[in-house]
C-alpha atoms as a PDB file:
ATOM      1  CA  MET A   1     103.781  26.046  13.590  1.00  0.00           C
ATOM      2  CA  ARG A   2     107.210  26.975  12.333  1.00  0.00           C
ATOM      3  CA  TYR A   3     106.472  30.705  12.652  1.00  0.00           C
ATOM      4  CA  PHE A   4     104.950  30.309  16.097  1.00  0.00           C
ATOM      5  CA  ASN A   5     107.961  28.355  17.316  1.00  0.00           C
ATOM      6  CA  MET A   6     110.257  31.026  15.866  1.00  0.00           C
ATOM      7  CA  ILE A   7     108.588  33.889  17.755  1.00  0.00           C
ATOM      8  CA  LYS A   8     107.959  32.133  21.091  1.00  0.00           C
ATOM      9  CA  PRO A   9     111.369  33.024  22.552  1.00  0.00           C
ATOM     10  CA  TYR A  10     110.672  36.716  21.874  1.00  0.00           C
ATOM     11  CA  LEU A  11     107.200  36.911  23.449  1.00  0.00           C
ATOM     12  CA  SER A  12     106.882  38.990  26.579  1.00  0.00           C
ATOM     13  CA  LYS A  13     105.457  37.399  29.698  1.00  0.00           C
ATOM     14  CA  ASN A  14     102.100  38.979  28.781  1.00  0.00           C
ATOM     15  CA  GLY A  15     102.298  38.397  25.030  1.00  0.00           C
ATOM     16  CA  ILE A  16      99.427  38.180  22.555  1.00  0.00           C
ATOM     17  CA  VAL A  17      99.671  36.533  19.139  1.00  0.00           C
ATOM     18  CA  VAL A  18      97.044  36.798  16.380  1.00  0.00           C
ATOM     19  CA  PHE A  19      96.818  34.090  13.706  1.00  0.00           C
ATOM     20  CA  ASP A  20      94.974  34.462  10.414  1.00  0.00           C
ATOM     21  CA  ASP A  21      93.125  31.726   8.469  1.00  0.00           C
ATOM     22  CA  ILE A  22      93.077  29.167  11.291  1.00  0.00           C
ATOM     23  CA  ASN A  23      90.337  27.183   9.503  1.00  0.00           C
ATOM     24  CA  TRP A  24      91.620  27.651   5.947  1.00  0.00           C
ATOM     25  CA  SER A  25      92.890  24.062   5.544  1.00  0.00           C
ATOM     26  CA  SER A  26      93.217  20.840   7.495  1.00  0.00           C
ATOM     27  CA  GLN A  27      96.887  21.660   8.142  1.00  0.00           C
ATOM     28  CA  MET A  28      95.954  25.072   9.552  1.00  0.00           C
ATOM     29  CA  ARG A  29      93.271  23.512  11.782  1.00  0.00           C
ATOM     30  CA  LYS A  30      95.835  21.025  13.115  1.00  0.00           C
ATOM     31  CA  ALA A  31      98.376  23.806  13.677  1.00  0.00           C
ATOM     32  CA  TRP A  32      95.747  25.822  15.590  1.00  0.00           C
ATOM     33  CA  LYS A  33      94.992  22.814  17.822  1.00  0.00           C
ATOM     34  CA  ASP A  34      98.706  22.321  18.480  1.00  0.00           C
ATOM     35  CA  ILE A  35      99.200  26.008  19.260  1.00  0.00           C
ATOM     36  CA  LYS A  36      96.330  25.938  21.779  1.00  0.00           C
ATOM     37  CA  LYS A  37      97.970  22.934  23.499  1.00  0.00           C
ATOM     38  CA  ASP A  38     101.341  24.671  23.810  1.00  0.00           C
ATOM     39  CA  LYS A  39     102.400  24.978  27.465  1.00  0.00           C
ATOM     40  CA  GLN A  40     103.101  28.722  27.103  1.00  0.00           C
ATOM     41  CA  VAL A  41      99.605  29.472  25.763  1.00  0.00           C
ATOM     42  CA  THR A  42      97.221  30.178  28.619  1.00  0.00           C
ATOM     43  CA  MET A  43      94.161  31.431  26.754  1.00  0.00           C
ATOM     44  CA  SER A  44      92.904  31.146  23.197  1.00  0.00           C
ATOM     45  CA  ILE A  45      90.037  32.744  21.315  1.00  0.00           C
ATOM     46  CA  ASP A  46      88.811  31.130  18.090  1.00  0.00           C
ATOM     47  CA  LEU A  47      87.017  33.660  15.858  1.00  0.00           C
ATOM     48  CA  PHE A  48      86.792  31.132  12.958  1.00  0.00           C
ATOM     49  CA  PHE A  49      88.765  33.249  10.481  1.00  0.00           C
ATOM     50  CA  MET A  50      91.427  34.146  13.023  1.00  0.00           C
ATOM     51  CA  GLY A  51      92.678  33.024  16.391  1.00  0.00           C
ATOM     52  CA  ILE A  52      94.152  34.926  19.303  1.00  0.00           C
ATOM     53  CA  VAL A  53      96.394  33.383  21.943  1.00  0.00           C
ATOM     54  CA  PHE A  54      97.592  34.870  25.202  1.00  0.00           C
ATOM     55  CA  VAL A  55     100.853  34.009  26.935  1.00  0.00           C
ATOM     56  CA  ASN A  56     100.239  35.131  30.498  1.00  0.00           C
ATOM     57  CA  LYS A  57     100.854  32.897  33.513  1.00  0.00           C
ATOM     58  CA  ASN A  58      98.351  34.941  35.520  1.00  0.00           C
ATOM     59  CA  LEU A  59      95.527  33.617  33.321  1.00  0.00           C
ATOM     60  CA  SER A  60      94.055  30.169  33.792  1.00  0.00           C
ATOM     61  CA  LYS A  61      94.114  27.791  30.817  1.00  0.00           C
ATOM     62  CA  GLN A  62      90.948  28.548  28.818  1.00  0.00           C
ATOM     63  CA  ASP A  63      89.783  28.143  25.234  1.00  0.00           C
ATOM     64  CA  PHE A  64      86.939  30.209  23.793  1.00  0.00           C
ATOM     65  CA  ILE A  65      85.096  29.855  20.493  1.00  0.00           C
ATOM     66  CA  VAL A  66      83.168  32.873  19.222  1.00  0.00           C
ATOM     67  CA  ARG A  67      80.997  32.377  16.137  1.00  0.00           C
ATOM     68  CA  PHE A  68      79.168  35.280  14.530  1.00  0.00           C
END
């Protein structure tokens, strides 16, 4: 969460952030949940090993989980 909060002010209005190891530990799972709830995050994609969030006000709030 600390890193995400550090970079948020520098994200463009159509920013994308990729996170690694979102299910590595209970703390990482909690951080991922908190990141998805952030008011700037409009879309998230959970790929189990990594997560992708989009900061784009033109997108509606959506969360996707892709398991393969």
